[in-house]
Amino acid sequence: MFTSTTFASILPEILVLVIGILILIVEPFWKEEQRRNVGWLTAGGLLIAMIISLLFGQPGEPTSTLGGMVRFDWLGFFFNGSWFQVSVVRRADFNGHAVWF
């Protein structure tokens, strides 16, 4: 059954999916000189997703969701937050440049 705990446990992944779909829809319609703004759109979207996750996706006590496939605890919450921070900084730093690691 889909509960609020289940939704909160996959909230960061849902938000990143929405950002990706938004970028895939918007970017082909931008002119060539506007496409360098995709990095800023990505960084802004990830920053908003991080704030929403911090406000609404905090775990209570550790639990398993989705049939035991997802462990919803503070350690995973910390790593999701760290991933969001690194991604936002990376997109903002290398905006408009083709840098691949």
PDB file of N, CA and C in Angstrom:
ATOM      1  N   MET A   1       0.834  -1.184   0.000  1.00  0.00           N
ATOM      2  CA  MET A   1       0.000   0.000   0.000  1.00  0.00           C
ATOM      3  C   MET A   1       0.881   1.251   0.000  1.00  0.00           C
ATOM      4  N   PHE A   2       0.444   2.252  -0.701  1.00  0.00           N
ATOM      5  CA  PHE A   2       1.215   3.484  -0.839  1.00  0.00           C
ATOM      6  C   PHE A   2       0.833   4.437   0.277  1.00  0.00           C
ATOM      7  N   THR A   3       1.761   4.671   1.215  1.00  0.00           N
ATOM      8  CA  THR A   3       1.512   5.548   2.361  1.00  0.00           C
ATOM      9  C   THR A   3       2.376   6.803   2.252  1.00  0.00           C
ATOM     10  N   SER A   4       2.187   7.707   3.203  1.00  0.00           N
ATOM     11  CA  SER A   4       2.991   8.930   3.194  1.00  0.00           C
ATOM     12  C   SER A   4       4.463   8.624   3.468  1.00  0.00           C
ATOM     13  N   THR A   5       4.743   7.595   4.263  1.00  0.00           N
ATOM     14  CA  THR A   5       6.126   7.192   4.512  1.00  0.00           C
ATOM     15  C   THR A   5       6.764   6.662   3.238  1.00  0.00           C
ATOM     16  N   THR A   6       6.017   5.899   2.469  1.00  0.00           N
ATOM     17  CA  THR A   6       6.527   5.390   1.198  1.00  0.00           C
ATOM     18  C   THR A   6       6.829   6.543   0.250  1.00  0.00           C
ATOM     19  N   PHE A   7       5.926   7.499   0.168  1.00  0.00           N
ATOM     20  CA  PHE A   7       6.139   8.660  -0.691  1.00  0.00           C
ATOM     21  C   PHE A   7       7.350   9.465  -0.242  1.00  0.00           C
ATOM     22  N   ALA A   8       7.478   9.698   1.073  1.00  0.00           N
ATOM     23  CA  ALA A   8       8.609  10.469   1.594  1.00  0.00           C
ATOM     24  C   ALA A   8       9.930   9.756   1.360  1.00  0.00           C
ATOM     25  N   SER A   9       9.915   8.434   1.354  1.00  0.00           N
ATOM     26  CA  SER A   9      11.170   7.697   1.170  1.00  0.00           C
ATOM     27  C   SER A   9      11.708   7.804  -0.250  1.00  0.00           C
ATOM     28  N   ILE A  10      10.848   8.031  -1.224  1.00  0.00           N
ATOM     29  CA  ILE A  10      11.314   8.171  -2.618  1.00  0.00           C
ATOM     30  C   ILE A  10      11.112   9.585  -3.155  1.00  0.00           C
ATOM     31  N   LEU A  11      10.827  10.536  -2.285  1.00  0.00           N
ATOM     32  CA  LEU A  11      10.600  11.920  -2.699  1.00  0.00           C
ATOM     33  C   LEU A  11      11.786  12.521  -3.470  1.00  0.00           C
ATOM     34  N   PRO A  12      13.034  12.381  -3.015  1.00  0.00           N
ATOM     35  CA  PRO A  12      14.139  12.961  -3.798  1.00  0.00           C
ATOM     36  C   PRO A  12      14.233  12.388  -5.208  1.00  0.00           C
ATOM     37  N   GLU A  13      14.017  11.102  -5.354  1.00  0.00           N
ATOM     38  CA  GLU A  13      14.082  10.482  -6.674  1.00  0.00           C
ATOM     39  C   GLU A  13      12.955  10.965  -7.575  1.00  0.00           C
ATOM     40  N   ILE A  14      11.777  11.146  -7.012  1.00  0.00           N
ATOM     41  CA  ILE A  14      10.644  11.660  -7.783  1.00  0.00           C
ATOM     42  C   ILE A  14      10.931  13.082  -8.263  1.00  0.00           C
ATOM     43  N   LEU A  15      11.494  13.915  -7.387  1.00  0.00           N
ATOM     44  CA  LEU A  15      11.785  15.301  -7.751  1.00  0.00           C
ATOM     45  C   LEU A  15      12.860  15.390  -8.829  1.00  0.00           C
ATOM     46  N   VAL A  16      13.896  14.556  -8.737  1.00  0.00           N
ATOM     47  CA  VAL A  16      14.938  14.548  -9.769  1.00  0.00           C
ATOM     48  C   VAL A  16      14.356  14.075 -11.098  1.00  0.00           C
ATOM     49  N   LEU A  17      13.447  13.106 -11.060  1.00  0.00           N
ATOM     50  CA  LEU A  17      12.790  12.637 -12.281  1.00  0.00           C
ATOM     51  C   LEU A  17      11.971  13.757 -12.919  1.00  0.00           C
ATOM     52  N   VAL A  18      11.251  14.509 -12.116  1.00  0.00           N
ATOM     53  CA  VAL A  18      10.448  15.626 -12.637  1.00  0.00           C
ATOM     54  C   VAL A  18      11.352  16.690 -13.259  1.00  0.00           C
ATOM     55  N   ILE A  19      12.475  16.999 -12.615  1.00  0.00           N
ATOM     56  CA  ILE A  19      13.411  17.977 -13.167  1.00  0.00           C
ATOM     57  C   ILE A  19      13.959  17.487 -14.506  1.00  0.00           C
ATOM     58  N   GLY A  20      14.346  16.232 -14.574  1.00  0.00           N
ATOM     59  CA  GLY A  20      14.872  15.670 -15.818  1.00  0.00           C
ATOM     60  C   GLY A  20      13.864  15.719 -16.948  1.00  0.00           C
ATOM     61  N   ILE A  21      12.622  15.372 -16.659  1.00  0.00           N
ATOM     62  CA  ILE A  21      11.572  15.421 -17.682  1.00  0.00           C
ATOM     63  C   ILE A  21      11.342  16.865 -18.130  1.00  0.00           C
ATOM     64  N   LEU A  22      11.334  17.804 -17.184  1.00  0.00           N
ATOM     65  CA  LEU A  22      11.154  19.213 -17.525  1.00  0.00           C
ATOM     66  C   LEU A  22      12.275  19.705 -18.445  1.00  0.00           C
ATOM     67  N   ILE A  23      13.500  19.334 -18.139  1.00  0.00           N
ATOM     68  CA  ILE A  23      14.631  19.754 -18.968  1.00  0.00           C
ATOM     69  C   ILE A  23      14.541  19.130 -20.360  1.00  0.00           C
ATOM     70  N   LEU A  24      14.182  17.854 -20.427  1.00  0.00           N
ATOM     71  CA  LEU A  24      14.057  17.191 -21.724  1.00  0.00           C
ATOM     72  C   LEU A  24      12.944  17.798 -22.579  1.00  0.00           C
ATOM     73  N   ILE A  25      11.910  18.324 -21.951  1.00  0.00           N
ATOM     74  CA  ILE A  25      10.814  18.945 -22.698  1.00  0.00           C
ATOM     75  C   ILE A  25      11.174  20.362 -23.138  1.00  0.00           C
ATOM     76  N   VAL A  26      11.797  21.136 -22.265  1.00  0.00           N
ATOM     77  CA  VAL A  26      12.050  22.554 -22.527  1.00  0.00           C
ATOM     78  C   VAL A  26      13.259  22.777 -23.433  1.00  0.00           C
ATOM     79  N   GLU A  27      14.324  22.030 -23.233  1.00  0.00           N
ATOM     80  CA  GLU A  27      15.596  22.297 -23.916  1.00  0.00           C
ATOM     81  C   GLU A  27      15.542  22.246 -25.439  1.00  0.00           C
ATOM     82  N   PRO A  28      14.812  21.346 -26.081  1.00  0.00           N
ATOM     83  CA  PRO A  28      14.795  21.352 -27.547  1.00  0.00           C
ATOM     84  C   PRO A  28      14.153  22.605 -28.165  1.00  0.00           C
ATOM     85  N   PHE A  29      13.328  23.309 -27.408  1.00  0.00           N
ATOM     86  CA  PHE A  29      12.656  24.490 -27.934  1.00  0.00           C
ATOM     87  C   PHE A  29      13.459  25.771 -27.745  1.00  0.00           C
ATOM     88  N   TRP A  30      14.564  25.686 -27.009  1.00  0.00           N
ATOM     89  CA  TRP A  30      15.402  26.853 -26.811  1.00  0.00           C
ATOM     90  C   TRP A  30      16.333  27.049 -27.993  1.00  0.00           C
ATOM     91  N   LYS A  31      16.625  28.294 -28.290  1.00  0.00           N
ATOM     92  CA  LYS A  31      17.593  28.600 -29.339  1.00  0.00           C
ATOM     93  C   LYS A  31      18.989  28.224 -28.860  1.00  0.00           C
ATOM     94  N   GLU A  32      19.917  28.168 -29.806  1.00  0.00           N
ATOM     95  CA  GLU A  32      21.275  27.712 -29.489  1.00  0.00           C
ATOM     96  C   GLU A  32      21.938  28.558 -28.405  1.00  0.00           C
ATOM     97  N   GLU A  33      21.759  29.870 -28.453  1.00  0.00           N
ATOM     98  CA  GLU A  33      22.391  30.722 -27.443  1.00  0.00           C
ATOM     99  C   GLU A  33      21.711  30.619 -26.078  1.00  0.00           C
ATOM    100  N   GLN A  34      20.473  30.148 -26.035  1.00  0.00           N
ATOM    101  CA  GLN A  34      19.773  29.972 -24.760  1.00  0.00           C
ATOM    102  C   GLN A  34      20.070  28.625 -24.115  1.00  0.00           C
ATOM    103  N   ARG A  35      20.615  27.690 -24.849  1.00  0.00           N
ATOM    104  CA  ARG A  35      20.840  26.349 -24.320  1.00  0.00           C
ATOM    105  C   ARG A  35      21.901  26.304 -23.233  1.00  0.00           C
ATOM    106  N   ARG A  36      22.728  27.336 -23.145  1.00  0.00           N
ATOM    107  CA  ARG A  36      23.704  27.365 -22.068  1.00  0.00           C
ATOM    108  C   ARG A  36      23.029  27.589 -20.718  1.00  0.00           C
ATOM    109  N   ASN A  37      21.775  28.003 -20.730  1.00  0.00           N
ATOM    110  CA  ASN A  37      21.027  28.191 -19.495  1.00  0.00           C
ATOM    111  C   ASN A  37      20.492  26.887 -18.921  1.00  0.00           C
ATOM    112  N   VAL A  38      20.690  25.786 -19.613  1.00  0.00           N
ATOM    113  CA  VAL A  38      20.223  24.493 -19.110  1.00  0.00           C
ATOM    114  C   VAL A  38      20.913  24.161 -17.790  1.00  0.00           C
ATOM    115  N   GLY A  39      22.178  24.528 -17.665  1.00  0.00           N
ATOM    116  CA  GLY A  39      22.900  24.298 -16.415  1.00  0.00           C
ATOM    117  C   GLY A  39      22.287  25.046 -15.255  1.00  0.00           C
ATOM    118  N   TRP A  40      21.884  26.287 -15.504  1.00  0.00           N
ATOM    119  CA  TRP A  40      21.243  27.063 -14.443  1.00  0.00           C
ATOM    120  C   TRP A  40      19.863  26.506 -14.104  1.00  0.00           C
ATOM    121  N   LEU A  41      19.133  26.061 -15.120  1.00  0.00           N
ATOM    122  CA  LEU A  41      17.832  25.432 -14.874  1.00  0.00           C
ATOM    123  C   LEU A  41      18.002  24.166 -14.042  1.00  0.00           C
ATOM    124  N   THR A  42      19.011  23.380 -14.366  1.00  0.00           N
ATOM    125  CA  THR A  42      19.281  22.161 -13.613  1.00  0.00           C
ATOM    126  C   THR A  42      19.682  22.482 -12.180  1.00  0.00           C
ATOM    127  N   ALA A  43      20.592  23.428 -11.993  1.00  0.00           N
ATOM    128  CA  ALA A  43      21.038  23.795 -10.645  1.00  0.00           C
ATOM    129  C   ALA A  43      19.884  24.350  -9.817  1.00  0.00           C
ATOM    130  N   GLY A  44      19.068  25.195 -10.418  1.00  0.00           N
ATOM    131  CA  GLY A  44      17.919  25.748  -9.696  1.00  0.00           C
ATOM    132  C   GLY A  44      16.896  24.682  -9.341  1.00  0.00           C
ATOM    133  N   GLY A  45      16.635  23.789 -10.287  1.00  0.00           N
ATOM    134  CA  GLY A  45      15.690  22.707 -10.014  1.00  0.00           C
ATOM    135  C   GLY A  45      16.180  21.782  -8.916  1.00  0.00           C
ATOM    136  N   LEU A  46      17.476  21.468  -8.926  1.00  0.00           N
ATOM    137  CA  LEU A  46      18.029  20.613  -7.876  1.00  0.00           C
ATOM    138  C   LEU A  46      18.024  21.312  -6.522  1.00  0.00           C
ATOM    139  N   LEU A  47      18.261  22.617  -6.518  1.00  0.00           N
ATOM    140  CA  LEU A  47      18.208  23.375  -5.272  1.00  0.00           C
ATOM    141  C   LEU A  47      16.789  23.375  -4.703  1.00  0.00           C
ATOM    142  N   ILE A  48      15.809  23.573  -5.552  1.00  0.00           N
ATOM    143  CA  ILE A  48      14.409  23.524  -5.104  1.00  0.00           C
ATOM    144  C   ILE A  48      14.054  22.121  -4.614  1.00  0.00           C
ATOM    145  N   ALA A  49      14.511  21.101  -5.333  1.00  0.00           N
ATOM    146  CA  ALA A  49      14.249  19.719  -4.920  1.00  0.00           C
ATOM    147  C   ALA A  49      14.900  19.426  -3.574  1.00  0.00           C
ATOM    148  N   MET A  50      16.101  19.966  -3.339  1.00  0.00           N
ATOM    149  CA  MET A  50      16.772  19.753  -2.063  1.00  0.00           C
ATOM    150  C   MET A  50      15.985  20.407  -0.928  1.00  0.00           C
ATOM    151  N   ILE A  51      15.489  21.613  -1.156  1.00  0.00           N
ATOM    152  CA  ILE A  51      14.715  22.308  -0.120  1.00  0.00           C
ATOM    153  C   ILE A  51      13.418  21.565   0.172  1.00  0.00           C
ATOM    154  N   ILE A  52      12.729  21.108  -0.871  1.00  0.00           N
ATOM    155  CA  ILE A  52      11.491  20.354  -0.669  1.00  0.00           C
ATOM    156  C   ILE A  52      11.765  19.054   0.087  1.00  0.00           C
ATOM    157  N   SER A  53      12.857  18.383  -0.254  1.00  0.00           N
ATOM    158  CA  SER A  53      13.207  17.147   0.450  1.00  0.00           C
ATOM    159  C   SER A  53      13.543  17.414   1.909  1.00  0.00           C
ATOM    160  N   LEU A  54      14.228  18.529   2.177  1.00  0.00           N
ATOM    161  CA  LEU A  54      14.551  18.866   3.566  1.00  0.00           C
ATOM    162  C   LEU A  54      13.296  19.185   4.376  1.00  0.00           C
ATOM    163  N   LEU A  55      12.320  19.808   3.735  1.00  0.00           N
ATOM    164  CA  LEU A  55      11.104  20.190   4.447  1.00  0.00           C
ATOM    165  C   LEU A  55      10.122  19.031   4.633  1.00  0.00           C
ATOM    166  N   PHE A  56       9.963  18.201   3.586  1.00  0.00           N
ATOM    167  CA  PHE A  56       8.900  17.208   3.607  1.00  0.00           C
ATOM    168  C   PHE A  56       9.366  15.762   3.608  1.00  0.00           C
ATOM    169  N   GLY A  57      10.650  15.512   3.423  1.00  0.00           N
ATOM    170  CA  GLY A  57      11.110  14.140   3.289  1.00  0.00           C
ATOM    171  C   GLY A  57      11.961  13.627   4.427  1.00  0.00           C
ATOM    172  N   GLN A  58      11.831  14.227   5.601  1.00  0.00           N
ATOM    173  CA  GLN A  58      12.640  13.788   6.728  1.00  0.00           C
ATOM    174  C   GLN A  58      12.089  12.495   7.320  1.00  0.00           C
ATOM    175  N   PRO A  59      12.979  11.532   7.567  1.00  0.00           N
ATOM    176  CA  PRO A  59      12.507  10.265   8.132  1.00  0.00           C
ATOM    177  C   PRO A  59      12.250  10.378   9.627  1.00  0.00           C
ATOM    178  N   GLY A  60      11.372   9.519  10.112  1.00  0.00           N
ATOM    179  CA  GLY A  60      11.139   9.399  11.540  1.00  0.00           C
ATOM    180  C   GLY A  60      12.069   8.323  12.067  1.00  0.00           C
ATOM    181  N   GLU A  61      11.489   7.227  12.449  1.00  0.00           N
ATOM    182  CA  GLU A  61      12.321   6.095  12.863  1.00  0.00           C
ATOM    183  C   GLU A  61      12.669   5.266  11.631  1.00  0.00           C
ATOM    184  N   PRO A  62      13.820   4.586  11.644  1.00  0.00           N
ATOM    185  CA  PRO A  62      14.220   3.797  10.473  1.00  0.00           C
ATOM    186  C   PRO A  62      13.190   2.733  10.112  1.00  0.00           C
ATOM    187  N   THR A  63      12.877   2.650   8.836  1.00  0.00           N
ATOM    188  CA  THR A  63      11.901   1.682   8.360  1.00  0.00           C
ATOM    189  C   THR A  63      12.234   1.264   6.933  1.00  0.00           C
ATOM    190  N   SER A  64      11.720   0.137   6.532  1.00  0.00           N
ATOM    191  CA  SER A  64      11.857  -0.326   5.155  1.00  0.00           C
ATOM    192  C   SER A  64      10.542  -0.084   4.429  1.00  0.00           C
ATOM    193  N   THR A  65      10.644   0.391   3.194  1.00  0.00           N
ATOM    194  CA  THR A  65       9.451   0.645   2.394  1.00  0.00           C
ATOM    195  C   THR A  65       9.566  -0.077   1.061  1.00  0.00           C
ATOM    196  N   LEU A  66       8.481  -0.070   0.338  1.00  0.00           N
ATOM    197  CA  LEU A  66       8.398  -0.694  -0.982  1.00  0.00           C
ATOM    198  C   LEU A  66       8.857  -2.144  -0.947  1.00  0.00           C
ATOM    199  N   GLY A  67       8.321  -2.877  -0.003  1.00  0.00           N
ATOM    200  CA  GLY A  67       8.622  -4.305   0.099  1.00  0.00           C
ATOM    201  C   GLY A  67      10.038  -4.599   0.542  1.00  0.00           C
ATOM    202  N   GLY A  68      10.673  -3.694   1.259  1.00  0.00           N
ATOM    203  CA  GLY A  68      12.028  -3.895   1.724  1.00  0.00           C
ATOM    204  C   GLY A  68      13.103  -3.436   0.757  1.00  0.00           C
ATOM    205  N   MET A  69      12.714  -2.836  -0.371  1.00  0.00           N
ATOM    206  CA  MET A  69      13.701  -2.387  -1.353  1.00  0.00           C
ATOM    207  C   MET A  69      14.356  -1.069  -0.962  1.00  0.00           C
ATOM    208  N   VAL A  70      13.675  -0.256  -0.165  1.00  0.00           N
ATOM    209  CA  VAL A  70      14.186   1.061   0.212  1.00  0.00           C
ATOM    210  C   VAL A  70      14.246   1.133   1.729  1.00  0.00           C
ATOM    211  N   ARG A  71      15.402   1.513   2.238  1.00  0.00           N
ATOM    212  CA  ARG A  71      15.571   1.731   3.676  1.00  0.00           C
ATOM    213  C   ARG A  71      15.465   3.230   3.900  1.00  0.00           C
ATOM    214  N   PHE A  72      14.492   3.640   4.699  1.00  0.00           N
ATOM    215  CA  PHE A  72      14.221   5.058   4.938  1.00  0.00           C
ATOM    216  C   PHE A  72      14.725   5.415   6.327  1.00  0.00           C
ATOM    217  N   ASP A  73      15.934   5.992   6.379  1.00  0.00           N
ATOM    218  CA  ASP A  73      16.540   6.360   7.655  1.00  0.00           C
ATOM    219  C   ASP A  73      17.376   7.630   7.481  1.00  0.00           C
ATOM    220  N   TRP A  74      17.978   8.088   8.575  1.00  0.00           N
ATOM    221  CA  TRP A  74      18.712   9.344   8.547  1.00  0.00           C
ATOM    222  C   TRP A  74      20.011   9.256   7.746  1.00  0.00           C
ATOM    223  N   LEU A  75      20.637   8.097   7.696  1.00  0.00           N
ATOM    224  CA  LEU A  75      21.867   7.956   6.914  1.00  0.00           C
ATOM    225  C   LEU A  75      21.581   8.152   5.421  1.00  0.00           C
ATOM    226  N   GLY A  76      20.537   7.519   4.921  1.00  0.00           N
ATOM    227  CA  GLY A  76      20.150   7.715   3.526  1.00  0.00           C
ATOM    228  C   GLY A  76      19.726   9.151   3.251  1.00  0.00           C
ATOM    229  N   PHE A  77      19.040   9.764   4.211  1.00  0.00           N
ATOM    230  CA  PHE A  77      18.630  11.158   4.079  1.00  0.00           C
ATOM    231  C   PHE A  77      19.851  12.072   3.974  1.00  0.00           C
ATOM    232  N   PHE A  78      20.866  11.794   4.787  1.00  0.00           N
ATOM    233  CA  PHE A  78      22.106  12.568   4.742  1.00  0.00           C
ATOM    234  C   PHE A  78      22.791  12.433   3.387  1.00  0.00           C
ATOM    235  N   PHE A  79      22.889  11.211   2.871  1.00  0.00           N
ATOM    236  CA  PHE A  79      23.554  11.014   1.590  1.00  0.00           C
ATOM    237  C   PHE A  79      22.759  11.625   0.430  1.00  0.00           C
ATOM    238  N   ASN A  80      21.444  11.586   0.491  1.00  0.00           N
ATOM    239  CA  ASN A  80      20.643  12.272  -0.537  1.00  0.00           C
ATOM    240  C   ASN A  80      20.903  13.773  -0.501  1.00  0.00           C
ATOM    241  N   GLY A  81      20.955  14.345   0.702  1.00  0.00           N
ATOM    242  CA  GLY A  81      21.243  15.772   0.828  1.00  0.00           C
ATOM    243  C   GLY A  81      22.629  16.126   0.326  1.00  0.00           C
ATOM    244  N   SER A  82      23.599  15.274   0.615  1.00  0.00           N
ATOM    245  CA  SER A  82      24.964  15.499   0.122  1.00  0.00           C
ATOM    246  C   SER A  82      25.005  15.443  -1.392  1.00  0.00           C
ATOM    247  N   TRP A  83      24.302  14.478  -1.969  1.00  0.00           N
ATOM    248  CA  TRP A  83      24.257  14.352  -3.428  1.00  0.00           C
ATOM    249  C   TRP A  83      23.653  15.603  -4.052  1.00  0.00           C
ATOM    250  N   PHE A  84      22.559  16.120  -3.463  1.00  0.00           N
ATOM    251  CA  PHE A  84      21.934  17.328  -3.993  1.00  0.00           C
ATOM    252  C   PHE A  84      22.907  18.503  -3.952  1.00  0.00           C
ATOM    253  N   GLN A  85      23.635  18.671  -2.839  1.00  0.00           N
ATOM    254  CA  GLN A  85      24.562  19.797  -2.716  1.00  0.00           C
ATOM    255  C   GLN A  85      25.670  19.725  -3.757  1.00  0.00           C
ATOM    256  N   VAL A  86      26.265  18.569  -3.911  1.00  0.00           N
ATOM    257  CA  VAL A  86      27.347  18.410  -4.884  1.00  0.00           C
ATOM    258  C   VAL A  86      26.829  18.646  -6.298  1.00  0.00           C
ATOM    259  N   SER A  87      25.643  18.158  -6.603  1.00  0.00           N
ATOM    260  CA  SER A  87      25.083  18.326  -7.941  1.00  0.00           C
ATOM    261  C   SER A  87      24.788  19.783  -8.257  1.00  0.00           C
ATOM    262  N   VAL A  88      24.259  20.512  -7.297  1.00  0.00           N
ATOM    263  CA  VAL A  88      23.950  21.929  -7.518  1.00  0.00           C
ATOM    264  C   VAL A  88      25.235  22.708  -7.758  1.00  0.00           C
ATOM    265  N   VAL A  89      26.241  22.478  -6.939  1.00  0.00           N
ATOM    266  CA  VAL A  89      27.507  23.201  -7.093  1.00  0.00           C
ATOM    267  C   VAL A  89      28.161  22.843  -8.425  1.00  0.00           C
ATOM    268  N   ARG A  90      28.145  21.587  -8.796  1.00  0.00           N
ATOM    269  CA  ARG A  90      28.768  21.155 -10.051  1.00  0.00           C
ATOM    270  C   ARG A  90      28.060  21.788 -11.250  1.00  0.00           C
ATOM    271  N   ARG A  91      26.743  21.823 -11.252  1.00  0.00           N
ATOM    272  CA  ARG A  91      26.005  22.413 -12.377  1.00  0.00           C
ATOM    273  C   ARG A  91      26.249  23.910 -12.432  1.00  0.00           C
ATOM    274  N   ALA A  92      26.310  24.575 -11.296  1.00  0.00           N
ATOM    275  CA  ALA A  92      26.528  26.022 -11.294  1.00  0.00           C
ATOM    276  C   ALA A  92      27.953  26.364 -11.704  1.00  0.00           C
ATOM    277  N   ASP A  93      28.944  25.560 -11.299  1.00  0.00           N
ATOM    278  CA  ASP A  93      30.343  25.828 -11.630  1.00  0.00           C
ATOM    279  C   ASP A  93      30.635  25.644 -13.107  1.00  0.00           C
ATOM    280  N   PHE A  94      30.122  24.580 -13.691  1.00  0.00           N
ATOM    281  CA  PHE A  94      30.468  24.236 -15.067  1.00  0.00           C
ATOM    282  C   PHE A  94      29.362  24.609 -16.040  1.00  0.00           C
ATOM    283  N   ASN A  95      28.624  25.634 -15.728  1.00  0.00           N
ATOM    284  CA  ASN A  95      27.542  26.064 -16.605  1.00  0.00           C
ATOM    285  C   ASN A  95      28.098  26.553 -17.938  1.00  0.00           C
ATOM    286  N   GLY A  96      27.598  25.959 -19.003  1.00  0.00           N
ATOM    287  CA  GLY A  96      28.011  26.370 -20.326  1.00  0.00           C
ATOM    288  C   GLY A  96      29.286  25.718 -20.826  1.00  0.00           C
ATOM    289  N   HIS A  97      29.892  24.843 -20.047  1.00  0.00           N
ATOM    290  CA  HIS A  97      31.122  24.188 -20.448  1.00  0.00           C
ATOM    291  C   HIS A  97      30.877  22.681 -20.539  1.00  0.00           C
ATOM    292  N   ALA A  98      31.501  22.055 -21.469  1.00  0.00           N
ATOM    293  CA  ALA A  98      31.379  20.590 -21.618  1.00  0.00           C
ATOM    294  C   ALA A  98      32.459  19.930 -20.780  1.00  0.00           C
ATOM    295  N   VAL A  99      32.153  19.669 -19.529  1.00  0.00           N
ATOM    296  CA  VAL A  99      33.107  19.024 -18.631  1.00  0.00           C
ATOM    297  C   VAL A  99      32.539  17.674 -18.248  1.00  0.00           C
ATOM    298  N   TRP A 100      33.291  16.637 -18.510  1.00  0.00           N
ATOM    299  CA  TRP A 100      32.848  15.283 -18.174  1.00  0.00           C
ATOM    300  C   TRP A 100      33.858  14.664 -17.234  1.00  0.00           C
ATOM    301  N   PHE A 101      33.386  14.079 -16.189  1.00  0.00           N
ATOM    302  CA  PHE A 101      34.270  13.398 -15.228  1.00  0.00           C
ATOM    303  C   PHE A 101      34.161  11.913 -15.422  1.00  0.00           C
TER     304      PHE A 101
END
